[in-house]
Amino acid sequence: MSEGIRPSIGVATVVEHDGRILIGEDRRKGEAVYGVPGGHWENGETLKEAAIREVQEESGVACGSVELISVYDFYREDKQKSYVTIGMKAQYESGDLTDQIEEERLNWAWYAPEEALKLNLFPADKILIERYLSGVIFE
C-alpha cells in the first residue's frame, strides 16, 4: 500500500479548566468551523506527547494529566482519505490563550461543553466532545 492511501492518525484533545473546555475557531474555508486542539501524530512521540504538543502549538497553553477518551475512524471526501482520531482529555496547567497564526486556529476560548456542541464544530471534534460527556470510547 502506498503512503498516499494509508489512513492518517490524528490526536485531538479536550482540555478542561474550571468546568469548561478549550475551543478554537478555524476560518480557512471562509465559514467559521470550531474545534479542540489537535493535529497529526508525529513519528517518535507518544500519543500523550502529541496531545500536549498540539495543545501548546495551537493555543499557547500547557496541559497535563492526559488520558485516552475516544477512538474515532472516518473518511474525508474532500481529501479522499481515511483518518483515525485519537481523542484525549487533559487538564489545563498554565499559560494564556494565544492565537497561533501559523497554526490557523484563532479566537481560543473556554466553553461549557453543552455550549460548544451548539457551535459549527468539525465533525470529528463534535463526536469527541459527545464521547467526553458520555464516557463512550469507541462505537
C-alpha atoms as a PDB file:
ATOM      1  CA  MET A   1       0.000   0.000   0.000  1.00  0.00           C
ATOM      2  CA  SER A   2       1.475   3.361  -0.944  1.00  0.00           C
ATOM      3  CA  GLU A   3       1.868   6.056   1.692  1.00  0.00           C
ATOM      4  CA  GLY A   4      -0.607   8.326  -0.102  1.00  0.00           C
ATOM      5  CA  ILE A   5      -3.537   5.995   0.544  1.00  0.00           C
ATOM      6  CA  ARG A   6      -2.776   4.918   4.107  1.00  0.00           C
ATOM      7  CA  PRO A   7      -5.041   6.361   6.779  1.00  0.00           C
ATOM      8  CA  SER A   8      -3.646   9.276   8.778  1.00  0.00           C
ATOM      9  CA  ILE A   9      -3.662   9.320  12.557  1.00  0.00           C
ATOM     10  CA  GLY A  10      -4.512  12.482  14.411  1.00  0.00           C
ATOM     11  CA  VAL A  11      -4.706  13.442  18.058  1.00  0.00           C
ATOM     12  CA  ALA A  12      -7.370  15.801  19.389  1.00  0.00           C
ATOM     13  CA  THR A  13      -7.587  16.930  22.997  1.00  0.00           C
ATOM     14  CA  VAL A  14     -10.427  18.146  25.180  1.00  0.00           C
ATOM     15  CA  VAL A  15      -8.646  20.474  27.612  1.00  0.00           C
ATOM     16  CA  GLU A  16     -10.579  21.046  30.845  1.00  0.00           C
ATOM     17  CA  HIS A  17     -10.397  24.173  33.005  1.00  0.00           C
ATOM     18  CA  ASP A  18     -12.940  25.175  35.668  1.00  0.00           C
ATOM     19  CA  GLY A  19     -15.726  23.059  34.123  1.00  0.00           C
ATOM     20  CA  ARG A  20     -15.131  24.420  30.642  1.00  0.00           C
ATOM     21  CA  ILE A  21     -13.319  23.104  27.576  1.00  0.00           C
ATOM     22  CA  LEU A  22     -10.947  24.777  25.135  1.00  0.00           C
ATOM     23  CA  ILE A  23     -12.336  25.569  21.668  1.00  0.00           C
ATOM     24  CA  GLY A  24     -10.746  27.487  18.779  1.00  0.00           C
ATOM     25  CA  GLU A  25     -12.050  28.892  15.514  1.00  0.00           C
ATOM     26  CA  ASP A  26     -10.786  27.953  12.046  1.00  0.00           C
ATOM     27  CA  ARG A  27     -11.699  30.243   9.108  1.00  0.00           C
ATOM     28  CA  ARG A  28      -9.554  28.714   6.344  1.00  0.00           C
ATOM     29  CA  LYS A  29     -12.610  27.935   4.223  1.00  0.00           C
ATOM     30  CA  GLY A  30     -14.471  31.197   4.928  1.00  0.00           C
ATOM     31  CA  GLU A  31     -17.162  29.887   7.271  1.00  0.00           C
ATOM     32  CA  ALA A  32     -16.108  29.531  10.904  1.00  0.00           C
ATOM     33  CA  VAL A  33     -15.585  25.926  11.971  1.00  0.00           C
ATOM     34  CA  TYR A  34     -14.729  25.265  15.599  1.00  0.00           C
ATOM     35  CA  GLY A  35     -12.754  22.538  17.304  1.00  0.00           C
ATOM     36  CA  VAL A  36     -10.467  21.379  20.049  1.00  0.00           C
ATOM     37  CA  PRO A  37      -6.681  21.494  19.680  1.00  0.00           C
ATOM     38  CA  GLY A  38      -5.386  18.697  17.509  1.00  0.00           C
ATOM     39  CA  GLY A  39      -3.220  17.600  14.656  1.00  0.00           C
ATOM     40  CA  HIS A  40      -1.168  14.756  13.244  1.00  0.00           C
ATOM     41  CA  TRP A  41       0.629  12.278  15.460  1.00  0.00           C
ATOM     42  CA  GLU A  42       4.320  12.598  14.632  1.00  0.00           C
ATOM     43  CA  ASN A  43       6.837   9.792  14.426  1.00  0.00           C
ATOM     44  CA  GLY A  44       8.904   9.337  17.589  1.00  0.00           C
ATOM     45  CA  GLU A  45       6.395  10.724  20.082  1.00  0.00           C
ATOM     46  CA  THR A  46       3.857   9.057  22.340  1.00  0.00           C
ATOM     47  CA  LEU A  47       0.169   9.873  21.988  1.00  0.00           C
ATOM     48  CA  LYS A  48       0.338  11.832  25.256  1.00  0.00           C
ATOM     49  CA  GLU A  49       3.316  13.823  23.971  1.00  0.00           C
ATOM     50  CA  ALA A  50       1.436  14.531  20.731  1.00  0.00           C
ATOM     51  CA  ALA A  51      -1.597  15.787  22.659  1.00  0.00           C
ATOM     52  CA  ILE A  52       0.500  18.075  24.860  1.00  0.00           C
ATOM     53  CA  ARG A  53       2.452  19.404  21.854  1.00  0.00           C
ATOM     54  CA  GLU A  54      -0.642  20.119  19.764  1.00  0.00           C
ATOM     55  CA  VAL A  55      -2.376  21.962  22.615  1.00  0.00           C
ATOM     56  CA  GLN A  56       0.749  24.110  23.168  1.00  0.00           C
ATOM     57  CA  GLU A  57       1.331  24.758  19.448  1.00  0.00           C
ATOM     58  CA  GLU A  58      -2.250  25.705  18.680  1.00  0.00           C
ATOM     59  CA  SER A  59      -3.411  27.580  21.777  1.00  0.00           C
ATOM     60  CA  GLY A  60      -0.296  28.592  23.693  1.00  0.00           C
ATOM     61  CA  VAL A  61      -1.319  26.814  26.915  1.00  0.00           C
ATOM     62  CA  ALA A  62       0.278  23.899  28.750  1.00  0.00           C
ATOM     63  CA  CYS A  63      -1.723  20.872  29.805  1.00  0.00           C
ATOM     64  CA  GLY A  64      -1.135  17.634  31.704  1.00  0.00           C
ATOM     65  CA  SER A  65      -2.904  14.587  33.172  1.00  0.00           C
ATOM     66  CA  VAL A  66      -3.601  13.322  29.648  1.00  0.00           C
ATOM     67  CA  GLU A  67      -5.977  10.361  29.282  1.00  0.00           C
ATOM     68  CA  LEU A  68      -7.473   8.447  26.344  1.00  0.00           C
ATOM     69  CA  ILE A  69     -11.207   9.087  25.893  1.00  0.00           C
ATOM     70  CA  SER A  70     -12.037   8.244  22.266  1.00  0.00           C
ATOM     71  CA  VAL A  71     -11.009   6.428  19.110  1.00  0.00           C
ATOM     72  CA  TYR A  72     -12.884   7.584  16.018  1.00  0.00           C
ATOM     73  CA  ASP A  73     -12.382   6.487  12.421  1.00  0.00           C
ATOM     74  CA  PHE A  74     -13.840   8.355   9.447  1.00  0.00           C
ATOM     75  CA  TYR A  75     -13.410   9.107   5.760  1.00  0.00           C
ATOM     76  CA  ARG A  76     -12.981  12.663   4.444  1.00  0.00           C
ATOM     77  CA  GLU A  77     -14.480  13.007   0.986  1.00  0.00           C
ATOM     78  CA  ASP A  78     -12.765  16.364   0.457  1.00  0.00           C
ATOM     79  CA  LYS A  79      -9.337  14.746   0.932  1.00  0.00           C
ATOM     80  CA  GLN A  80     -10.261  11.269  -0.363  1.00  0.00           C
ATOM     81  CA  LYS A  81      -8.608   9.833   2.735  1.00  0.00           C
ATOM     82  CA  SER A  82      -9.372   7.773   5.831  1.00  0.00           C
ATOM     83  CA  TYR A  83      -8.443   9.068   9.272  1.00  0.00           C
ATOM     84  CA  VAL A  84      -8.304   7.851  12.844  1.00  0.00           C
ATOM     85  CA  THR A  85      -8.591  10.473  15.547  1.00  0.00           C
ATOM     86  CA  ILE A  86      -7.279   9.504  18.969  1.00  0.00           C
ATOM     87  CA  GLY A  87      -9.258  11.606  21.428  1.00  0.00           C
ATOM     88  CA  MET A  88      -7.617  12.649  24.653  1.00  0.00           C
ATOM     89  CA  LYS A  89      -8.678  14.568  27.748  1.00  0.00           C
ATOM     90  CA  ALA A  90      -6.235  16.809  29.615  1.00  0.00           C
ATOM     91  CA  GLN A  91      -6.186  19.352  32.416  1.00  0.00           C
ATOM     92  CA  TYR A  92      -5.137  22.961  31.826  1.00  0.00           C
ATOM     93  CA  GLU A  93      -1.912  23.669  33.724  1.00  0.00           C
ATOM     94  CA  SER A  94      -0.686  27.135  32.764  1.00  0.00           C
ATOM     95  CA  GLY A  95      -0.394  29.829  30.153  1.00  0.00           C
ATOM     96  CA  ASP A  96      -2.548  32.378  28.408  1.00  0.00           C
ATOM     97  CA  LEU A  97      -4.627  31.613  25.345  1.00  0.00           C
ATOM     98  CA  THR A  98      -2.764  32.890  22.299  1.00  0.00           C
ATOM     99  CA  ASP A  99      -3.731  32.933  18.646  1.00  0.00           C
ATOM    100  CA  GLN A 100      -1.040  30.996  16.829  1.00  0.00           C
ATOM    101  CA  ILE A 101      -1.474  32.405  13.317  1.00  0.00           C
ATOM    102  CA  GLU A 102       0.729  29.745  11.703  1.00  0.00           C
ATOM    103  CA  GLU A 103      -1.478  27.006  13.188  1.00  0.00           C
ATOM    104  CA  GLU A 104      -4.552  28.594  11.542  1.00  0.00           C
ATOM    105  CA  ARG A 105      -6.857  28.296  14.534  1.00  0.00           C
ATOM    106  CA  LEU A 106      -7.765  31.518  16.337  1.00  0.00           C
ATOM    107  CA  ASN A 107     -10.066  33.023  18.952  1.00  0.00           C
ATOM    108  CA  TRP A 108      -9.423  30.367  21.594  1.00  0.00           C
ATOM    109  CA  ALA A 109     -11.929  30.457  24.423  1.00  0.00           C
ATOM    110  CA  TRP A 110     -13.312  28.325  27.239  1.00  0.00           C
ATOM    111  CA  TYR A 111     -16.837  26.947  26.684  1.00  0.00           C
ATOM    112  CA  ALA A 112     -19.204  24.842  28.725  1.00  0.00           C
ATOM    113  CA  PRO A 113     -19.280  21.518  26.831  1.00  0.00           C
ATOM    114  CA  GLU A 114     -23.002  21.932  26.092  1.00  0.00           C
ATOM    115  CA  GLU A 115     -22.310  25.409  24.625  1.00  0.00           C
ATOM    116  CA  ALA A 116     -19.516  24.001  22.490  1.00  0.00           C
ATOM    117  CA  LEU A 117     -21.856  21.381  20.998  1.00  0.00           C
ATOM    118  CA  LYS A 118     -24.045  24.208  19.635  1.00  0.00           C
ATOM    119  CA  LEU A 119     -21.136  25.599  17.572  1.00  0.00           C
ATOM    120  CA  ASN A 120     -20.356  24.631  13.982  1.00  0.00           C
ATOM    121  CA  LEU A 121     -17.831  22.008  15.084  1.00  0.00           C
ATOM    122  CA  PHE A 122     -15.513  19.955  12.912  1.00  0.00           C
ATOM    123  CA  PRO A 123     -17.468  16.642  12.799  1.00  0.00           C
ATOM    124  CA  ALA A 124     -14.729  14.537  14.442  1.00  0.00           C
ATOM    125  CA  ASP A 125     -14.433  17.074  17.274  1.00  0.00           C
ATOM    126  CA  LYS A 126     -18.198  17.061  17.831  1.00  0.00           C
ATOM    127  CA  ILE A 127     -18.075  13.285  18.257  1.00  0.00           C
ATOM    128  CA  LEU A 128     -15.080  13.642  20.594  1.00  0.00           C
ATOM    129  CA  ILE A 129     -16.941  16.127  22.826  1.00  0.00           C
ATOM    130  CA  GLU A 130     -20.044  13.900  22.838  1.00  0.00           C
ATOM    131  CA  ARG A 131     -17.885  10.942  23.872  1.00  0.00           C
ATOM    132  CA  TYR A 132     -16.153  13.080  26.506  1.00  0.00           C
ATOM    133  CA  LEU A 133     -19.580  13.765  28.025  1.00  0.00           C
ATOM    134  CA  SER A 134     -20.913  10.195  27.670  1.00  0.00           C
ATOM    135  CA  GLY A 135     -17.851   8.104  28.514  1.00  0.00           C
ATOM    136  CA  VAL A 136     -18.178   6.117  25.241  1.00  0.00           C
ATOM    137  CA  ILE A 137     -14.697   5.475  23.836  1.00  0.00           C
ATOM    138  CA  PHE A 138     -15.397   3.555  20.620  1.00  0.00           C
ATOM    139  CA  GLU A 139     -18.514   2.536  18.707  1.00  0.00           C
END
